[in-house]
PDB file of N, CA and C in Angstrom:
ATOM      1  N   MET A   1      13.118   7.753  -6.560  1.00  0.00           N
ATOM      2  CA  MET A   1      12.674   7.376  -5.612  1.00  0.00           C
ATOM      3  C   MET A   1      11.129   8.690  -5.047  1.00  0.00           C
ATOM      4  N   MET A   2      11.855   9.865  -4.617  1.00  0.00           N
ATOM      5  CA  MET A   2      11.755  10.236  -4.016  1.00  0.00           C
ATOM      6  C   MET A   2      10.031  10.793  -4.851  1.00  0.00           C
ATOM      7  N   ALA A   3      10.376  10.707  -6.108  1.00  0.00           N
ATOM      8  CA  ALA A   3       8.952  11.234  -6.740  1.00  0.00           C
ATOM      9  C   ALA A   3       7.556  10.570  -6.197  1.00  0.00           C
ATOM     10  N   LEU A   4       8.048   9.168  -6.547  1.00  0.00           N
ATOM     11  CA  LEU A   4       7.032   8.183  -5.761  1.00  0.00           C
ATOM     12  C   LEU A   4       6.951   8.251  -4.209  1.00  0.00           C
ATOM     13  N   ALA A   5       8.063   7.961  -3.573  1.00  0.00           N
ATOM     14  CA  ALA A   5       7.902   8.586  -2.632  1.00  0.00           C
ATOM     15  C   ALA A   5       6.795   8.732  -1.560  1.00  0.00           C
ATOM     16  N   VAL A   6       6.269  10.516  -2.554  1.00  0.00           N
ATOM     17  CA  VAL A   6       5.864  11.681  -1.864  1.00  0.00           C
ATOM     18  C   VAL A   6       4.071  11.330  -2.894  1.00  0.00           C
ATOM     19  N   THR A   7       3.928  10.488  -3.042  1.00  0.00           N
ATOM     20  CA  THR A   7       2.243  10.502  -3.679  1.00  0.00           C
ATOM     21  C   THR A   7       1.299   9.824  -2.666  1.00  0.00           C
ATOM     22  N   GLY A   8       1.978   9.538  -2.161  1.00  0.00           N
ATOM     23  CA  GLY A   8       0.668   9.319  -0.417  1.00  0.00           C
ATOM     24  C   GLY A   8       0.391   7.937  -0.905  1.00  0.00           C
ATOM     25  N   ARG A   9       0.936   7.175  -2.385  1.00  0.00           N
ATOM     26  CA  ARG A   9       0.145   5.598  -2.054  1.00  0.00           C
ATOM     27  C   ARG A   9       1.357   4.872  -0.964  1.00  0.00           C
ATOM     28  N   LEU A  10       0.511   3.273  -0.714  1.00  0.00           N
ATOM     29  CA  LEU A  10       0.922   2.935   0.461  1.00  0.00           C
ATOM     30  C   LEU A  10       2.386   1.669  -0.555  1.00  0.00           C
ATOM     31  N   ASN A  11       2.959   1.551   0.110  1.00  0.00           N
ATOM     32  CA  ASN A  11       4.469   0.838  -0.603  1.00  0.00           C
ATOM     33  C   ASN A  11       3.671   0.022  -1.256  1.00  0.00           C
ATOM     34  N   LYS A  12       3.027  -0.513  -0.846  1.00  0.00           N
ATOM     35  CA  LYS A  12       2.018  -2.169  -1.561  1.00  0.00           C
ATOM     36  C   LYS A  12       1.220  -1.843  -3.386  1.00  0.00           C
ATOM     37  N   GLN A  13       0.898  -0.220  -3.101  1.00  0.00           N
ATOM     38  CA  GLN A  13       0.226   0.208  -4.558  1.00  0.00           C
ATOM     39  C   GLN A  13       1.584   0.466  -5.098  1.00  0.00           C
ATOM     40  N   ILE A  14       2.750   1.162  -5.014  1.00  0.00           N
ATOM     41  CA  ILE A  14       4.119   1.374  -5.781  1.00  0.00           C
ATOM     42  C   ILE A  14       4.430   0.020  -6.139  1.00  0.00           C
ATOM     43  N   ALA A  15       4.593  -0.751  -4.923  1.00  0.00           N
ATOM     44  CA  ALA A  15       5.375  -2.041  -5.462  1.00  0.00           C
ATOM     45  C   ALA A  15       4.791  -2.814  -6.597  1.00  0.00           C
ATOM     46  N   GLY A  16       3.071  -2.599  -6.548  1.00  0.00           N
ATOM     47  CA  GLY A  16       2.461  -3.378  -7.915  1.00  0.00           C
ATOM     48  C   GLY A  16       2.647  -2.489  -8.456  1.00  0.00           C
ATOM     49  N   ASP A  17       2.916  -1.351  -9.015  1.00  0.00           N
ATOM     50  CA  ASP A  17       3.583  -0.371 -10.661  1.00  0.00           C
ATOM     51  C   ASP A  17       4.039  -0.525 -10.737  1.00  0.00           C
ATOM     52  N   LEU A  18       5.296  -1.055 -10.033  1.00  0.00           N
ATOM     53  CA  LEU A  18       6.556  -0.956  -9.862  1.00  0.00           C
ATOM     54  C   LEU A  18       6.690  -2.790 -10.628  1.00  0.00           C
ATOM     55  N   GLY A  19       5.745  -3.613 -10.306  1.00  0.00           N
ATOM     56  CA  GLY A  19       6.050  -5.083 -10.312  1.00  0.00           C
ATOM     57  C   GLY A  19       7.437  -5.442  -9.424  1.00  0.00           C
ATOM     58  N   ALA A  20       7.745  -4.686  -8.459  1.00  0.00           N
ATOM     59  CA  ALA A  20       8.438  -5.540  -7.678  1.00  0.00           C
ATOM     60  C   ALA A  20       7.708  -5.737  -5.863  1.00  0.00           C
ATOM     61  N   ARG A  21       8.343  -6.280  -5.110  1.00  0.00           N
ATOM     62  CA  ARG A  21       7.962  -6.497  -3.757  1.00  0.00           C
ATOM     63  C   ARG A  21       7.946  -5.532  -2.822  1.00  0.00           C
ATOM     64  N   GLU A  22       7.135  -5.952  -2.184  1.00  0.00           N
ATOM     65  CA  GLU A  22       6.590  -4.244  -1.145  1.00  0.00           C
ATOM     66  C   GLU A  22       8.073  -4.057  -0.646  1.00  0.00           C
ATOM     67  N   ILE A  23       8.833  -4.876  -0.256  1.00  0.00           N
ATOM     68  CA  ILE A  23      10.009  -4.549   0.494  1.00  0.00           C
ATOM     69  C   ILE A  23      10.751  -3.576  -0.004  1.00  0.00           C
ATOM     70  N   THR A  24      10.879  -3.660  -1.722  1.00  0.00           N
ATOM     71  CA  THR A  24      11.793  -3.071  -2.489  1.00  0.00           C
ATOM     72  C   THR A  24      11.233  -1.832  -2.808  1.00  0.00           C
ATOM     73  N   VAL A  25       9.948  -0.955  -2.515  1.00  0.00           N
ATOM     74  CA  VAL A  25       9.926   0.019  -1.832  1.00  0.00           C
ATOM     75  C   VAL A  25       9.560   0.865  -0.151  1.00  0.00           C
ATOM     76  N   GLU A  26       9.660  -0.328   0.356  1.00  0.00           N
ATOM     77  CA  GLU A  26       9.899   0.149   1.662  1.00  0.00           C
ATOM     78  C   GLU A  26      10.934   0.375   2.593  1.00  0.00           C
ATOM     79  N   VAL A  27      12.168  -0.400   2.346  1.00  0.00           N
ATOM     80  CA  VAL A  27      13.205  -0.298   2.637  1.00  0.00           C
ATOM     81  C   VAL A  27      13.635   1.733   2.127  1.00  0.00           C
ATOM     82  N   PRO A  28      14.027   1.438   0.660  1.00  0.00           N
ATOM     83  CA  PRO A  28      14.738   3.098   0.163  1.00  0.00           C
ATOM     84  C   PRO A  28      13.553   4.395   0.238  1.00  0.00           C
ATOM     85  N   ARG A  29      11.872   3.393   1.130  1.00  0.00           N
ATOM     86  CA  ARG A  29      11.502   4.998   1.042  1.00  0.00           C
ATOM     87  C   ARG A  29      11.589   5.314   2.925  1.00  0.00           C
ATOM     88  N   SER A  30      12.447   4.650   4.244  1.00  0.00           N
ATOM     89  CA  SER A  30      13.219   4.829   5.039  1.00  0.00           C
ATOM     90  C   SER A  30      13.905   5.672   4.605  1.00  0.00           C
ATOM     91  N   GLN A  31      14.827   5.127   3.952  1.00  0.00           N
ATOM     92  CA  GLN A  31      15.889   5.232   4.005  1.00  0.00           C
ATOM     93  C   GLN A  31      16.437   7.033   3.510  1.00  0.00           C
ATOM     94  N   LEU A  32      15.139   7.370   2.368  1.00  0.00           N
ATOM     95  CA  LEU A  32      15.321   8.296   1.657  1.00  0.00           C
ATOM     96  C   LEU A  32      14.705   9.342   3.688  1.00  0.00           C
ATOM     97  N   MET A  33      13.768   8.914   3.950  1.00  0.00           N
ATOM     98  CA  MET A  33      12.677   9.613   4.893  1.00  0.00           C
ATOM     99  C   MET A  33      14.091  10.379   5.705  1.00  0.00           C
ATOM    100  N   GLN A  34      15.333   8.802   6.077  1.00  0.00           N
ATOM    101  CA  GLN A  34      16.264   9.285   7.160  1.00  0.00           C
ATOM    102  C   GLN A  34      16.936  10.362   6.720  1.00  0.00           C
ATOM    103  N   LYS A  35      17.544   9.888   5.087  1.00  0.00           N
ATOM    104  CA  LYS A  35      18.683  11.877   4.668  1.00  0.00           C
ATOM    105  C   LYS A  35      18.005  12.586   4.713  1.00  0.00           C
ATOM    106  N   MET A  36      16.726  12.683   4.142  1.00  0.00           N
ATOM    107  CA  MET A  36      16.071  13.883   4.383  1.00  0.00           C
ATOM    108  C   MET A  36      15.644  15.059   5.696  1.00  0.00           C
ATOM    109  N   ARG A  37      15.832  13.818   6.374  1.00  0.00           N
ATOM    110  CA  ARG A  37      15.812  13.886   7.992  1.00  0.00           C
ATOM    111  C   ARG A  37      13.935  14.427   7.892  1.00  0.00           C
ATOM    112  N   SER A  38      13.192  13.583   7.955  1.00  0.00           N
ATOM    113  CA  SER A  38      11.989  13.844   7.355  1.00  0.00           C
ATOM    114  C   SER A  38      10.922  12.965   8.804  1.00  0.00           C
ATOM    115  N   LYS A  39      10.154  13.674   9.837  1.00  0.00           N
ATOM    116  CA  LYS A  39       9.272  12.672  10.704  1.00  0.00           C
ATOM    117  C   LYS A  39       8.536  12.589   9.946  1.00  0.00           C
ATOM    118  N   SER A  40       7.634  12.555   8.556  1.00  0.00           N
ATOM    119  CA  SER A  40       6.783  11.971   8.131  1.00  0.00           C
ATOM    120  C   SER A  40       6.657  12.382   6.896  1.00  0.00           C
ATOM    121  N   LEU A  41       5.531  11.357   6.350  1.00  0.00           N
ATOM    122  CA  LEU A  41       5.482  11.198   5.325  1.00  0.00           C
ATOM    123  C   LEU A  41       4.958  12.718   4.083  1.00  0.00           C
ATOM    124  N   PRO A  42       4.022  13.202   4.714  1.00  0.00           N
ATOM    125  CA  PRO A  42       3.925  14.908   4.402  1.00  0.00           C
ATOM    126  C   PRO A  42       4.725  15.671   4.650  1.00  0.00           C
ATOM    127  N   GLU A  43       6.353  15.942   5.536  1.00  0.00           N
ATOM    128  CA  GLU A  43       6.850  16.411   5.634  1.00  0.00           C
ATOM    129  C   GLU A  43       8.037  16.381   4.511  1.00  0.00           C
ATOM    130  N   LEU A  44       7.682  15.283   3.864  1.00  0.00           N
ATOM    131  CA  LEU A  44       9.063  14.819   3.239  1.00  0.00           C
ATOM    132  C   LEU A  44       8.403  15.210   1.649  1.00  0.00           C
ATOM    133  N   ALA A  45       6.818  15.432   1.270  1.00  0.00           N
ATOM    134  CA  ALA A  45       5.637  15.732  -0.024  1.00  0.00           C
ATOM    135  C   ALA A  45       5.717  17.081   0.180  1.00  0.00           C
ATOM    136  N   ARG A  46       6.176  17.593   1.311  1.00  0.00           N
ATOM    137  CA  ARG A  46       6.215  19.189   0.988  1.00  0.00           C
ATOM    138  C   ARG A  46       8.160  19.754   0.748  1.00  0.00           C
ATOM    139  N   MET A  47       8.914  18.811   0.830  1.00  0.00           N
ATOM    140  CA  MET A  47      10.430  18.842   0.981  1.00  0.00           C
ATOM    141  C   MET A  47      10.151  19.129  -0.538  1.00  0.00           C
ATOM    142  N   ALA A  48       9.299  17.375  -1.360  1.00  0.00           N
ATOM    143  CA  ALA A  48       9.592  17.161  -2.661  1.00  0.00           C
ATOM    144  C   ALA A  48       9.225  18.428  -3.288  1.00  0.00           C
ATOM    145  N   ASP A  49       8.161  19.094  -2.673  1.00  0.00           N
ATOM    146  CA  ASP A  49       7.252  20.327  -3.447  1.00  0.00           C
ATOM    147  C   ASP A  49       8.686  21.432  -3.382  1.00  0.00           C
ATOM    148  N   LYS A  50       8.971  21.872  -2.101  1.00  0.00           N
ATOM    149  CA  LYS A  50       9.865  22.820  -2.424  1.00  0.00           C
ATOM    150  C   LYS A  50      10.971  23.026  -3.873  1.00  0.00           C
ATOM    151  N   LEU A  51      11.561  21.146  -3.743  1.00  0.00           N
ATOM    152  CA  LEU A  51      12.785  21.305  -5.014  1.00  0.00           C
ATOM    153  C   LEU A  51      11.753  20.590  -6.014  1.00  0.00           C
ATOM    154  N   LYS A  52      10.589  20.986  -6.235  1.00  0.00           N
ATOM    155  CA  LYS A  52      10.193  20.683  -7.423  1.00  0.00           C
ATOM    156  C   LYS A  52      10.619  19.197  -8.155  1.00  0.00           C
ATOM    157  N   LEU A  53      10.261  17.999  -6.635  1.00  0.00           N
ATOM    158  CA  LEU A  53      10.666  17.013  -7.678  1.00  0.00           C
ATOM    159  C   LEU A  53       9.555  16.348  -7.180  1.00  0.00           C
ATOM    160  N   ALA A  54       8.171  16.685  -6.666  1.00  0.00           N
ATOM    161  CA  ALA A  54       7.331  16.376  -6.833  1.00  0.00           C
ATOM    162  C   ALA A  54       6.320  16.101  -8.252  1.00  0.00           C
ATOM    163  N   PRO A  55       5.712  14.626  -8.325  1.00  0.00           N
ATOM    164  CA  PRO A  55       5.210  14.511  -9.306  1.00  0.00           C
ATOM    165  C   PRO A  55       4.246  15.059  -9.690  1.00  0.00           C
ATOM    166  N   ARG A  56       4.112  15.452 -11.014  1.00  0.00           N
ATOM    167  CA  ARG A  56       2.528  15.989 -11.461  1.00  0.00           C
ATOM    168  C   ARG A  56       1.502  15.344 -11.554  1.00  0.00           C
ATOM    169  N   ASN A  57       2.137  14.242 -11.776  1.00  0.00           N
ATOM    170  CA  ASN A  57       0.203  13.068 -11.979  1.00  0.00           C
ATOM    171  C   ASN A  57       0.147  12.661 -10.189  1.00  0.00           C
ATOM    172  N   PRO A  58      -1.220  13.205  -9.903  1.00  0.00           N
ATOM    173  CA  PRO A  58      -0.920  13.042  -7.944  1.00  0.00           C
ATOM    174  C   PRO A  58      -0.998  12.196  -7.527  1.00  0.00           C
ATOM    175  N   HIS A  59      -1.083  10.374  -8.950  1.00  0.00           N
ATOM    176  CA  HIS A  59      -1.284   9.164  -8.118  1.00  0.00           C
ATOM    177  C   HIS A  59       0.645   8.726  -8.900  1.00  0.00           C
ATOM    178  N   GLY A  60       1.193   8.929  -9.247  1.00  0.00           N
ATOM    179  CA  GLY A  60       2.655   8.559  -9.686  1.00  0.00           C
ATOM    180  C   GLY A  60       2.686   7.971 -10.625  1.00  0.00           C
ATOM    181  N   ILE A  61       1.277   7.680 -10.998  1.00  0.00           N
ATOM    182  CA  ILE A  61       1.475   6.525 -12.280  1.00  0.00           C
ATOM    183  C   ILE A  61       2.064   7.684 -13.806  1.00  0.00           C
ATOM    184  N   LYS A  62       2.957   6.400 -14.058  1.00  0.00           N
ATOM    185  CA  LYS A  62       2.839   6.845 -15.708  1.00  0.00           C
ATOM    186  C   LYS A  62       2.081   6.694 -16.504  1.00  0.00           C
ATOM    187  N   SER A  63       1.474   7.919 -17.466  1.00  0.00           N
ATOM    188  CA  SER A  63       0.401   7.112 -18.419  1.00  0.00           C
ATOM    189  C   SER A  63       1.314   6.773 -19.654  1.00  0.00           C
ATOM    190  N   GLY A  64       0.473   6.413 -20.795  1.00  0.00           N
ATOM    191  CA  GLY A  64       0.723   5.983 -22.171  1.00  0.00           C
ATOM    192  C   GLY A  64       1.151   4.444 -22.178  1.00  0.00           C
TER     193      GLY A  64
END
């Protein structure tokens, strides 16, 4: 989830990619930010980058 959460895409966009409802993305993203004690999405993205969890594809979309 962290890899998708830090792509900078909107919850609605991620949900569309996954074929899920927006709330299905919103709640886990919020919980992840709380667990990581992140105050913002950019801060969470920096954490993911340091942990090498950030996706290689900047849009977080699977290719192929």
